[in-house]
Amino acid sequence: YLLLAVLLITIGMASYAMFQIAYAAMAGEHGALPSGEIIRWM
């Protein structure tokens, strides 16, 4: 049950990080390279 709880937390945090990537990409300028914030979320 500990591993299942950790798995659920992992899925939630991965989806949160992917949402932050999309949010930062939509809010920022579109250049050739992603910003440092987007790379950190990746």
PDB file of all heavy atoms in Angstrom:
ATOM      1  N   TYR A   1       0.823  -1.210   0.000  1.00  0.00           N
ATOM      2  CA  TYR A   1       0.000   0.000   0.000  1.00  0.00           C
ATOM      3  C   TYR A   1       0.856   1.258   0.000  1.00  0.00           C
ATOM      4  O   TYR A   1       0.456   2.282  -0.562  1.00  0.00           O
ATOM      5  CB  TYR A   1      -0.961  -0.020   1.181  1.00  0.00           C
ATOM      6  CG  TYR A   1      -1.954  -1.149   1.063  1.00  0.00           C
ATOM      7  CD1 TYR A   1      -1.909  -2.234   1.914  1.00  0.00           C
ATOM      8  CD2 TYR A   1      -2.915  -1.134   0.058  1.00  0.00           C
ATOM      9  CE1 TYR A   1      -2.803  -3.278   1.784  1.00  0.00           C
ATOM     10  CE2 TYR A   1      -3.815  -2.166  -0.087  1.00  0.00           C
ATOM     11  CZ  TYR A   1      -3.761  -3.237   0.780  1.00  0.00           C
ATOM     12  OH  TYR A   1      -4.647  -4.265   0.641  1.00  0.00           O
ATOM     13  N   LEU A   2       2.030   1.195   0.604  1.00  0.00           N
ATOM     14  CA  LEU A   2       2.964   2.318   0.534  1.00  0.00           C
ATOM     15  C   LEU A   2       3.388   2.550  -0.908  1.00  0.00           C
ATOM     16  O   LEU A   2       3.384   3.690  -1.390  1.00  0.00           O
ATOM     17  CB  LEU A   2       4.192   2.059   1.406  1.00  0.00           C
ATOM     18  CG  LEU A   2       5.340   3.064   1.238  1.00  0.00           C
ATOM     19  CD1 LEU A   2       4.962   4.398   1.824  1.00  0.00           C
ATOM     20  CD2 LEU A   2       6.606   2.526   1.844  1.00  0.00           C
ATOM     21  N   LEU A   3       3.737   1.481  -1.608  1.00  0.00           N
ATOM     22  CA  LEU A   3       4.168   1.622  -3.000  1.00  0.00           C
ATOM     23  C   LEU A   3       3.027   2.081  -3.898  1.00  0.00           C
ATOM     24  O   LEU A   3       3.239   2.854  -4.834  1.00  0.00           O
ATOM     25  CB  LEU A   3       4.762   0.308  -3.500  1.00  0.00           C
ATOM     26  CG  LEU A   3       6.118  -0.059  -2.901  1.00  0.00           C
ATOM     27  CD1 LEU A   3       6.512  -1.457  -3.315  1.00  0.00           C
ATOM     28  CD2 LEU A   3       7.172   0.948  -3.302  1.00  0.00           C
ATOM     29  N   LEU A   4       1.809   1.637  -3.619  1.00  0.00           N
ATOM     30  CA  LEU A   4       0.666   2.117  -4.396  1.00  0.00           C
ATOM     31  C   LEU A   4       0.408   3.600  -4.140  1.00  0.00           C
ATOM     32  O   LEU A   4       0.085   4.355  -5.068  1.00  0.00           O
ATOM     33  CB  LEU A   4      -0.580   1.297  -4.076  1.00  0.00           C
ATOM     34  CG  LEU A   4      -0.600  -0.125  -4.638  1.00  0.00           C
ATOM     35  CD1 LEU A   4      -1.818  -0.880  -4.125  1.00  0.00           C
ATOM     36  CD2 LEU A   4      -0.599  -0.090  -6.155  1.00  0.00           C
ATOM     37  N   ALA A   5       0.546   4.030  -2.887  1.00  0.00           N
ATOM     38  CA  ALA A   5       0.368   5.449  -2.567  1.00  0.00           C
ATOM     39  C   ALA A   5       1.452   6.289  -3.235  1.00  0.00           C
ATOM     40  O   ALA A   5       1.173   7.367  -3.780  1.00  0.00           O
ATOM     41  CB  ALA A   5       0.383   5.645  -1.054  1.00  0.00           C
ATOM     42  N   VAL A   6       2.682   5.796  -3.215  1.00  0.00           N
ATOM     43  CA  VAL A   6       3.781   6.506  -3.877  1.00  0.00           C
ATOM     44  C   VAL A   6       3.543   6.562  -5.381  1.00  0.00           C
ATOM     45  O   VAL A   6       3.821   7.574  -6.028  1.00  0.00           O
ATOM     46  CB  VAL A   6       5.134   5.843  -3.533  1.00  0.00           C
ATOM     47  CG1 VAL A   6       6.255   6.365  -4.405  1.00  0.00           C
ATOM     48  CG2 VAL A   6       5.464   6.066  -2.069  1.00  0.00           C
ATOM     49  N   LEU A   7       2.995   5.506  -5.945  1.00  0.00           N
ATOM     50  CA  LEU A   7       2.683   5.490  -7.375  1.00  0.00           C
ATOM     51  C   LEU A   7       1.627   6.539  -7.715  1.00  0.00           C
ATOM     52  O   LEU A   7       1.746   7.256  -8.710  1.00  0.00           O
ATOM     53  CB  LEU A   7       2.215   4.095  -7.794  1.00  0.00           C
ATOM     54  CG  LEU A   7       1.965   3.880  -9.281  1.00  0.00           C
ATOM     55  CD1 LEU A   7       3.244   4.073 -10.070  1.00  0.00           C
ATOM     56  CD2 LEU A   7       1.398   2.499  -9.516  1.00  0.00           C
ATOM     57  N   LEU A   8       0.609   6.670  -6.883  1.00  0.00           N
ATOM     58  CA  LEU A   8      -0.415   7.686  -7.123  1.00  0.00           C
ATOM     59  C   LEU A   8       0.148   9.095  -6.991  1.00  0.00           C
ATOM     60  O   LEU A   8      -0.193   9.981  -7.780  1.00  0.00           O
ATOM     61  CB  LEU A   8      -1.588   7.490  -6.164  1.00  0.00           C
ATOM     62  CG  LEU A   8      -2.467   6.282  -6.440  1.00  0.00           C
ATOM     63  CD1 LEU A   8      -3.535   6.150  -5.363  1.00  0.00           C
ATOM     64  CD2 LEU A   8      -3.110   6.391  -7.803  1.00  0.00           C
ATOM     65  N   ILE A   9       1.009   9.308  -6.006  1.00  0.00           N
ATOM     66  CA  ILE A   9       1.655  10.615  -5.858  1.00  0.00           C
ATOM     67  C   ILE A   9       2.529  10.902  -7.068  1.00  0.00           C
ATOM     68  O   ILE A   9       2.544  12.024  -7.591  1.00  0.00           O
ATOM     69  CB  ILE A   9       2.474  10.664  -4.551  1.00  0.00           C
ATOM     70  CG1 ILE A   9       1.541  10.629  -3.347  1.00  0.00           C
ATOM     71  CG2 ILE A   9       3.359  11.896  -4.501  1.00  0.00           C
ATOM     72  CD1 ILE A   9       2.242  10.422  -2.027  1.00  0.00           C
ATOM     73  N   THR A  10       3.233   9.896  -7.549  1.00  0.00           N
ATOM     74  CA  THR A  10       4.103  10.064  -8.716  1.00  0.00           C
ATOM     75  C   THR A  10       3.297  10.427  -9.949  1.00  0.00           C
ATOM     76  O   THR A  10       3.676  11.326 -10.702  1.00  0.00           O
ATOM     77  CB  THR A  10       4.901   8.774  -8.972  1.00  0.00           C
ATOM     78  OG1 THR A  10       5.564   8.393  -7.778  1.00  0.00           O
ATOM     79  CG2 THR A  10       5.911   8.965 -10.072  1.00  0.00           C
ATOM     80  N   ILE A  11       2.187   9.754 -10.163  1.00  0.00           N
ATOM     81  CA  ILE A  11       1.341  10.063 -11.320  1.00  0.00           C
ATOM     82  C   ILE A  11       0.806  11.486 -11.215  1.00  0.00           C
ATOM     83  O   ILE A  11       0.791  12.239 -12.196  1.00  0.00           O
ATOM     84  CB  ILE A  11       0.196   9.033 -11.426  1.00  0.00           C
ATOM     85  CG1 ILE A  11       0.746   7.660 -11.813  1.00  0.00           C
ATOM     86  CG2 ILE A  11      -0.847   9.486 -12.435  1.00  0.00           C
ATOM     87  CD1 ILE A  11      -0.269   6.539 -11.698  1.00  0.00           C
ATOM     88  N   GLY A  12       0.373  11.864 -10.024  1.00  0.00           N
ATOM     89  CA  GLY A  12      -0.145  13.217  -9.834  1.00  0.00           C
ATOM     90  C   GLY A  12       0.910  14.288 -10.048  1.00  0.00           C
ATOM     91  O   GLY A  12       0.641  15.314 -10.688  1.00  0.00           O
ATOM     92  N   MET A  13       2.108  14.068  -9.538  1.00  0.00           N
ATOM     93  CA  MET A  13       3.152  15.077  -9.686  1.00  0.00           C
ATOM     94  C   MET A  13       3.668  15.144 -11.126  1.00  0.00           C
ATOM     95  O   MET A  13       4.021  16.223 -11.601  1.00  0.00           O
ATOM     96  CB  MET A  13       4.302  14.796  -8.717  1.00  0.00           C
ATOM     97  CG  MET A  13       3.917  14.942  -7.258  1.00  0.00           C
ATOM     98  SD  MET A  13       2.989  16.425  -6.827  1.00  0.00           S
ATOM     99  CE  MET A  13       4.187  17.688  -7.097  1.00  0.00           C
ATOM    100  N   ALA A  14       3.698  14.021 -11.827  1.00  0.00           N
ATOM    101  CA  ALA A  14       4.100  14.047 -13.237  1.00  0.00           C
ATOM    102  C   ALA A  14       3.076  14.811 -14.063  1.00  0.00           C
ATOM    103  O   ALA A  14       3.440  15.609 -14.942  1.00  0.00           O
ATOM    104  CB  ALA A  14       4.268  12.631 -13.767  1.00  0.00           C
ATOM    105  N   SER A  15       1.797  14.608 -13.787  1.00  0.00           N
ATOM    106  CA  SER A  15       0.778  15.348 -14.531  1.00  0.00           C
ATOM    107  C   SER A  15       0.811  16.830 -14.175  1.00  0.00           C
ATOM    108  O   SER A  15       0.604  17.686 -15.035  1.00  0.00           O
ATOM    109  CB  SER A  15      -0.607  14.756 -14.278  1.00  0.00           C
ATOM    110  OG  SER A  15      -0.945  14.849 -12.919  1.00  0.00           O
ATOM    111  N   TYR A  16       1.104  17.163 -12.921  1.00  0.00           N
ATOM    112  CA  TYR A  16       1.238  18.559 -12.525  1.00  0.00           C
ATOM    113  C   TYR A  16       2.417  19.215 -13.252  1.00  0.00           C
ATOM    114  O   TYR A  16       2.310  20.351 -13.730  1.00  0.00           O
ATOM    115  CB  TYR A  16       1.437  18.649 -11.009  1.00  0.00           C
ATOM    116  CG  TYR A  16       1.664  20.046 -10.486  1.00  0.00           C
ATOM    117  CD1 TYR A  16       0.622  20.956 -10.417  1.00  0.00           C
ATOM    118  CD2 TYR A  16       2.921  20.446 -10.058  1.00  0.00           C
ATOM    119  CE1 TYR A  16       0.830  22.237  -9.937  1.00  0.00           C
ATOM    120  CE2 TYR A  16       3.136  21.719  -9.582  1.00  0.00           C
ATOM    121  CZ  TYR A  16       2.092  22.611  -9.521  1.00  0.00           C
ATOM    122  OH  TYR A  16       2.304  23.875  -9.058  1.00  0.00           O
ATOM    123  N   ALA A  17       3.535  18.490 -13.350  1.00  0.00           N
ATOM    124  CA  ALA A  17       4.701  19.031 -14.054  1.00  0.00           C
ATOM    125  C   ALA A  17       4.405  19.217 -15.537  1.00  0.00           C
ATOM    126  O   ALA A  17       4.818  20.224 -16.133  1.00  0.00           O
ATOM    127  CB  ALA A  17       5.906  18.113 -13.857  1.00  0.00           C
ATOM    128  N   MET A  18       3.670  18.291 -16.141  1.00  0.00           N
ATOM    129  CA  MET A  18       3.312  18.447 -17.555  1.00  0.00           C
ATOM    130  C   MET A  18       2.376  19.636 -17.755  1.00  0.00           C
ATOM    131  O   MET A  18       2.480  20.363 -18.748  1.00  0.00           O
ATOM    132  CB  MET A  18       2.694  17.162 -18.085  1.00  0.00           C
ATOM    133  CG  MET A  18       3.712  16.066 -18.302  1.00  0.00           C
ATOM    134  SD  MET A  18       3.029  14.606 -19.068  1.00  0.00           S
ATOM    135  CE  MET A  18       2.587  13.653 -17.637  1.00  0.00           C
ATOM    136  N   PHE A  19       1.470  19.874 -16.809  1.00  0.00           N
ATOM    137  CA  PHE A  19       0.606  21.048 -16.880  1.00  0.00           C
ATOM    138  C   PHE A  19       1.432  22.322 -16.775  1.00  0.00           C
ATOM    139  O   PHE A  19       1.179  23.294 -17.491  1.00  0.00           O
ATOM    140  CB  PHE A  19      -0.443  21.009 -15.760  1.00  0.00           C
ATOM    141  CG  PHE A  19      -1.238  22.274 -15.664  1.00  0.00           C
ATOM    142  CD1 PHE A  19      -2.248  22.531 -16.560  1.00  0.00           C
ATOM    143  CD2 PHE A  19      -0.947  23.213 -14.689  1.00  0.00           C
ATOM    144  CE1 PHE A  19      -2.974  23.706 -16.484  1.00  0.00           C
ATOM    145  CE2 PHE A  19      -1.664  24.384 -14.605  1.00  0.00           C
ATOM    146  CZ  PHE A  19      -2.686  24.635 -15.505  1.00  0.00           C
ATOM    147  N   GLN A  20       2.423  22.336 -15.905  1.00  0.00           N
ATOM    148  CA  GLN A  20       3.271  23.514 -15.760  1.00  0.00           C
ATOM    149  C   GLN A  20       4.089  23.776 -17.028  1.00  0.00           C
ATOM    150  O   GLN A  20       4.336  24.929 -17.373  1.00  0.00           O
ATOM    151  CB  GLN A  20       4.197  23.362 -14.548  1.00  0.00           C
ATOM    152  CG  GLN A  20       3.500  23.456 -13.231  1.00  0.00           C
ATOM    153  CD  GLN A  20       2.888  24.825 -12.989  1.00  0.00           C
ATOM    154  OE1 GLN A  20       3.383  25.834 -13.477  1.00  0.00           O
ATOM    155  NE2 GLN A  20       1.811  24.851 -12.253  1.00  0.00           N
ATOM    156  N   ILE A  21       4.491  22.713 -17.718  1.00  0.00           N
ATOM    157  CA  ILE A  21       5.193  22.879 -18.996  1.00  0.00           C
ATOM    158  C   ILE A  21       4.282  23.564 -19.999  1.00  0.00           C
ATOM    159  O   ILE A  21       4.675  24.523 -20.668  1.00  0.00           O
ATOM    160  CB  ILE A  21       5.681  21.512 -19.543  1.00  0.00           C
ATOM    161  CG1 ILE A  21       6.798  20.959 -18.682  1.00  0.00           C
ATOM    162  CG2 ILE A  21       6.157  21.646 -20.988  1.00  0.00           C
ATOM    163  CD1 ILE A  21       7.147  19.526 -19.010  1.00  0.00           C
ATOM    164  N   ALA A  22       3.054  23.095 -20.093  1.00  0.00           N
ATOM    165  CA  ALA A  22       2.104  23.692 -21.037  1.00  0.00           C
ATOM    166  C   ALA A  22       1.781  25.134 -20.655  1.00  0.00           C
ATOM    167  O   ALA A  22       1.708  26.019 -21.519  1.00  0.00           O
ATOM    168  CB  ALA A  22       0.830  22.858 -21.081  1.00  0.00           C
ATOM    169  N   TYR A  23       1.615  25.394 -19.368  1.00  0.00           N
ATOM    170  CA  TYR A  23       1.298  26.741 -18.902  1.00  0.00           C
ATOM    171  C   TYR A  23       2.453  27.704 -19.184  1.00  0.00           C
ATOM    172  O   TYR A  23       2.246  28.824 -19.674  1.00  0.00           O
ATOM    173  CB  TYR A  23       0.979  26.707 -17.412  1.00  0.00           C
ATOM    174  CG  TYR A  23       0.597  28.038 -16.840  1.00  0.00           C
ATOM    175  CD1 TYR A  23      -0.672  28.574 -17.058  1.00  0.00           C
ATOM    176  CD2 TYR A  23       1.498  28.772 -16.074  1.00  0.00           C
ATOM    177  CE1 TYR A  23      -1.022  29.797 -16.541  1.00  0.00           C
ATOM    178  CE2 TYR A  23       1.155  29.995 -15.553  1.00  0.00           C
ATOM    179  CZ  TYR A  23      -0.110  30.511 -15.779  1.00  0.00           C
ATOM    180  OH  TYR A  23      -0.450  31.726 -15.268  1.00  0.00           O
ATOM    181  N   ALA A  24       3.681  27.276 -18.899  1.00  0.00           N
ATOM    182  CA  ALA A  24       4.840  28.132 -19.139  1.00  0.00           C
ATOM    183  C   ALA A  24       5.077  28.336 -20.638  1.00  0.00           C
ATOM    184  O   ALA A  24       5.497  29.420 -21.055  1.00  0.00           O
ATOM    185  CB  ALA A  24       6.076  27.536 -18.479  1.00  0.00           C
ATOM    186  N   ALA A  25       4.791  27.330 -21.419  1.00  0.00           N
ATOM    187  CA  ALA A  25       4.982  27.459 -22.863  1.00  0.00           C
ATOM    188  C   ALA A  25       3.955  28.409 -23.471  1.00  0.00           C
ATOM    189  O   ALA A  25       4.274  29.163 -24.394  1.00  0.00           O
ATOM    190  CB  ALA A  25       4.894  26.093 -23.529  1.00  0.00           C
ATOM    191  N   MET A  26       2.750  28.382 -22.954  1.00  0.00           N
ATOM    192  CA  MET A  26       1.718  29.286 -23.477  1.00  0.00           C
ATOM    193  C   MET A  26       1.962  30.732 -23.033  1.00  0.00           C
ATOM    194  O   MET A  26       1.647  31.663 -23.760  1.00  0.00           O
ATOM    195  CB  MET A  26       0.345  28.840 -23.006  1.00  0.00           C
ATOM    196  CG  MET A  26      -0.121  27.542 -23.605  1.00  0.00           C
ATOM    197  SD  MET A  26      -0.421  27.658 -25.358  1.00  0.00           S
ATOM    198  CE  MET A  26      -1.886  28.645 -25.352  1.00  0.00           C
ATOM    199  N   ALA A  27       2.510  30.912 -21.846  1.00  0.00           N
ATOM    200  CA  ALA A  27       2.704  32.256 -21.318  1.00  0.00           C
ATOM    201  C   ALA A  27       3.965  32.926 -21.848  1.00  0.00           C
ATOM    202  O   ALA A  27       4.050  34.142 -21.884  1.00  0.00           O
ATOM    203  CB  ALA A  27       2.755  32.212 -19.794  1.00  0.00           C
ATOM    204  N   GLY A  28       4.945  32.125 -22.242  1.00  0.00           N
ATOM    205  CA  GLY A  28       6.228  32.686 -22.647  1.00  0.00           C
ATOM    206  C   GLY A  28       6.302  32.992 -24.133  1.00  0.00           C
ATOM    207  O   GLY A  28       5.371  32.751 -24.904  1.00  0.00           O
ATOM    208  N   GLU A  29       7.443  33.535 -24.500  1.00  0.00           N
ATOM    209  CA  GLU A  29       7.688  33.798 -25.911  1.00  0.00           C
ATOM    210  C   GLU A  29       8.085  32.503 -26.606  1.00  0.00           C
ATOM    211  O   GLU A  29       8.669  31.612 -26.010  1.00  0.00           O
ATOM    212  CB  GLU A  29       8.810  34.819 -26.052  1.00  0.00           C
ATOM    213  CG  GLU A  29       8.468  36.172 -25.471  1.00  0.00           C
ATOM    214  CD  GLU A  29       9.609  37.151 -25.623  1.00  0.00           C
ATOM    215  OE1 GLU A  29      10.554  36.852 -26.384  1.00  0.00           O
ATOM    216  OE2 GLU A  29       9.547  38.202 -24.988  1.00  0.00           O
ATOM    217  N   HIS A  30       7.783  32.429 -27.859  1.00  0.00           N
ATOM    218  CA  HIS A  30       8.080  31.220 -28.619  1.00  0.00           C
ATOM    219  C   HIS A  30       9.377  31.432 -29.389  1.00  0.00           C
ATOM    220  O   HIS A  30       9.414  32.132 -30.386  1.00  0.00           O
ATOM    221  CB  HIS A  30       6.929  30.879 -29.567  1.00  0.00           C
ATOM    222  CG  HIS A  30       5.643  30.646 -28.850  1.00  0.00           C
ATOM    223  ND1 HIS A  30       5.416  29.512 -28.109  1.00  0.00           N
ATOM    224  CD2 HIS A  30       4.535  31.384 -28.722  1.00  0.00           C
ATOM    225  CE1 HIS A  30       4.218  29.559 -27.574  1.00  0.00           C
ATOM    226  NE2 HIS A  30       3.656  30.703 -27.922  1.00  0.00           N
ATOM    227  N   GLY A  31      10.434  30.817 -28.886  1.00  0.00           N
ATOM    228  CA  GLY A  31      11.731  30.912 -29.545  1.00  0.00           C
ATOM    229  C   GLY A  31      12.186  29.547 -30.008  1.00  0.00           C
ATOM    230  O   GLY A  31      11.426  28.571 -30.014  1.00  0.00           O
ATOM    231  N   ALA A  32      13.440  29.480 -30.388  1.00  0.00           N
ATOM    232  CA  ALA A  32      13.986  28.219 -30.874  1.00  0.00           C
ATOM    233  C   ALA A  32      14.246  27.247 -29.724  1.00  0.00           C
ATOM    234  O   ALA A  32      14.084  26.043 -29.883  1.00  0.00           O
ATOM    235  CB  ALA A  32      15.270  28.474 -31.645  1.00  0.00           C
ATOM    236  N   LEU A  33      14.642  27.784 -28.575  1.00  0.00           N
ATOM    237  CA  LEU A  33      14.952  26.939 -27.429  1.00  0.00           C
ATOM    238  C   LEU A  33      13.977  27.233 -26.292  1.00  0.00           C
ATOM    239  O   LEU A  33      13.565  28.374 -26.103  1.00  0.00           O
ATOM    240  CB  LEU A  33      16.387  27.200 -26.947  1.00  0.00           C
ATOM    241  CG  LEU A  33      17.496  26.846 -27.922  1.00  0.00           C
ATOM    242  CD1 LEU A  33      18.838  27.300 -27.380  1.00  0.00           C
ATOM    243  CD2 LEU A  33      17.516  25.356 -28.178  1.00  0.00           C
ATOM    244  N   PRO A  34      13.621  26.204 -25.519  1.00  0.00           N
ATOM    245  CA  PRO A  34      12.740  26.460 -24.376  1.00  0.00           C
ATOM    246  C   PRO A  34      13.481  27.211 -23.269  1.00  0.00           C
ATOM    247  O   PRO A  34      14.706  27.155 -23.166  1.00  0.00           O
ATOM    248  CB  PRO A  34      12.321  25.066 -23.920  1.00  0.00           C
ATOM    249  CG  PRO A  34      13.362  24.159 -24.449  1.00  0.00           C
ATOM    250  CD  PRO A  34      13.906  24.793 -25.691  1.00  0.00           C
ATOM    251  N   SER A  35      12.723  27.899 -22.453  1.00  0.00           N
ATOM    252  CA  SER A  35      13.327  28.661 -21.362  1.00  0.00           C
ATOM    253  C   SER A  35      13.822  27.719 -20.267  1.00  0.00           C
ATOM    254  O   SER A  35      13.531  26.524 -20.262  1.00  0.00           O
ATOM    255  CB  SER A  35      12.313  29.648 -20.791  1.00  0.00           C
ATOM    256  OG  SER A  35      11.272  28.940 -20.142  1.00  0.00           O
ATOM    257  N   GLY A  36      14.553  28.277 -19.332  1.00  0.00           N
ATOM    258  CA  GLY A  36      15.077  27.482 -18.227  1.00  0.00           C
ATOM    259  C   GLY A  36      13.978  26.897 -17.361  1.00  0.00           C
ATOM    260  O   GLY A  36      14.108  25.792 -16.840  1.00  0.00           O
ATOM    261  N   GLU A  37      12.891  27.639 -17.219  1.00  0.00           N
ATOM    262  CA  GLU A  37      11.772  27.148 -16.421  1.00  0.00           C
ATOM    263  C   GLU A  37      11.129  25.912 -17.063  1.00  0.00           C
ATOM    264  O   GLU A  37      10.833  24.936 -16.382  1.00  0.00           O
ATOM    265  CB  GLU A  37      10.730  28.255 -16.264  1.00  0.00           C
ATOM    266  CG  GLU A  37       9.539  27.859 -15.439  1.00  0.00           C
ATOM    267  CD  GLU A  37       8.497  28.956 -15.382  1.00  0.00           C
ATOM    268  OE1 GLU A  37       8.651  29.986 -16.045  1.00  0.00           O
ATOM    269  OE2 GLU A  37       7.503  28.751 -14.664  1.00  0.00           O
ATOM    270  N   ILE A  38      10.964  25.957 -18.361  1.00  0.00           N
ATOM    271  CA  ILE A  38      10.368  24.816 -19.062  1.00  0.00           C
ATOM    272  C   ILE A  38      11.294  23.606 -18.991  1.00  0.00           C
ATOM    273  O   ILE A  38      10.844  22.472 -18.786  1.00  0.00           O
ATOM    274  CB  ILE A  38      10.029  25.187 -20.518  1.00  0.00           C
ATOM    275  CG1 ILE A  38       8.927  26.242 -20.530  1.00  0.00           C
ATOM    276  CG2 ILE A  38       9.603  23.965 -21.309  1.00  0.00           C
ATOM    277  CD1 ILE A  38       8.605  26.784 -21.894  1.00  0.00           C
ATOM    278  N   ILE A  39      12.603  23.838 -19.127  1.00  0.00           N
ATOM    279  CA  ILE A  39      13.558  22.724 -19.037  1.00  0.00           C
ATOM    280  C   ILE A  39      13.513  22.106 -17.642  1.00  0.00           C
ATOM    281  O   ILE A  39      13.575  20.886 -17.485  1.00  0.00           O
ATOM    282  CB  ILE A  39      14.971  23.207 -19.413  1.00  0.00           C
ATOM    283  CG1 ILE A  39      15.015  23.525 -20.899  1.00  0.00           C
ATOM    284  CG2 ILE A  39      16.022  22.162 -19.062  1.00  0.00           C
ATOM    285  CD1 ILE A  39      16.301  24.148 -21.366  1.00  0.00           C
ATOM    286  N   ARG A  40      13.392  22.942 -16.613  1.00  0.00           N
ATOM    287  CA  ARG A  40      13.318  22.418 -15.239  1.00  0.00           C
ATOM    288  C   ARG A  40      12.078  21.552 -15.069  1.00  0.00           C
ATOM    289  O   ARG A  40      12.134  20.462 -14.490  1.00  0.00           O
ATOM    290  CB  ARG A  40      13.299  23.575 -14.246  1.00  0.00           C
ATOM    291  CG  ARG A  40      13.275  23.128 -12.813  1.00  0.00           C
ATOM    292  CD  ARG A  40      13.290  24.311 -11.911  1.00  0.00           C
ATOM    293  NE  ARG A  40      12.112  25.129 -12.171  1.00  0.00           N
ATOM    294  CZ  ARG A  40      11.383  25.695 -11.223  1.00  0.00           C
ATOM    295  NH1 ARG A  40      11.738  25.582  -9.981  1.00  0.00           N
ATOM    296  NH2 ARG A  40      10.327  26.396 -11.529  1.00  0.00           N
ATOM    297  N   TRP A  41      10.926  22.007 -15.590  1.00  0.00           N
ATOM    298  CA  TRP A  41       9.706  21.198 -15.482  1.00  0.00           C
ATOM    299  C   TRP A  41       9.810  19.925 -16.303  1.00  0.00           C
ATOM    300  O   TRP A  41       9.264  18.884 -15.921  1.00  0.00           O
ATOM    301  CB  TRP A  41       8.486  22.008 -15.903  1.00  0.00           C
ATOM    302  CG  TRP A  41       8.094  23.038 -14.900  1.00  0.00           C
ATOM    303  CD1 TRP A  41       8.159  24.381 -15.043  1.00  0.00           C
ATOM    304  CD2 TRP A  41       7.592  22.804 -13.576  1.00  0.00           C
ATOM    305  NE1 TRP A  41       7.731  24.995 -13.889  1.00  0.00           N
ATOM    306  CE2 TRP A  41       7.377  24.059 -12.982  1.00  0.00           C
ATOM    307  CE3 TRP A  41       7.319  21.654 -12.846  1.00  0.00           C
ATOM    308  CZ2 TRP A  41       6.890  24.186 -11.687  1.00  0.00           C
ATOM    309  CZ3 TRP A  41       6.828  21.788 -11.556  1.00  0.00           C
ATOM    310  CH2 TRP A  41       6.619  23.044 -10.991  1.00  0.00           C
ATOM    311  N   MET A  42      10.515  19.974 -17.433  1.00  0.00           N
ATOM    312  CA  MET A  42      10.731  18.764 -18.226  1.00  0.00           C
ATOM    313  C   MET A  42      11.583  17.753 -17.469  1.00  0.00           C
ATOM    314  O   MET A  42      11.317  16.542 -17.527  1.00  0.00           O
ATOM    315  CB  MET A  42      11.372  19.117 -19.569  1.00  0.00           C
ATOM    316  CG  MET A  42      10.439  19.849 -20.507  1.00  0.00           C
ATOM    317  SD  MET A  42      11.261  20.549 -21.942  1.00  0.00           S
ATOM    318  CE  MET A  42      11.649  19.079 -22.841  1.00  0.00           C
TER     319      MET A  42
END
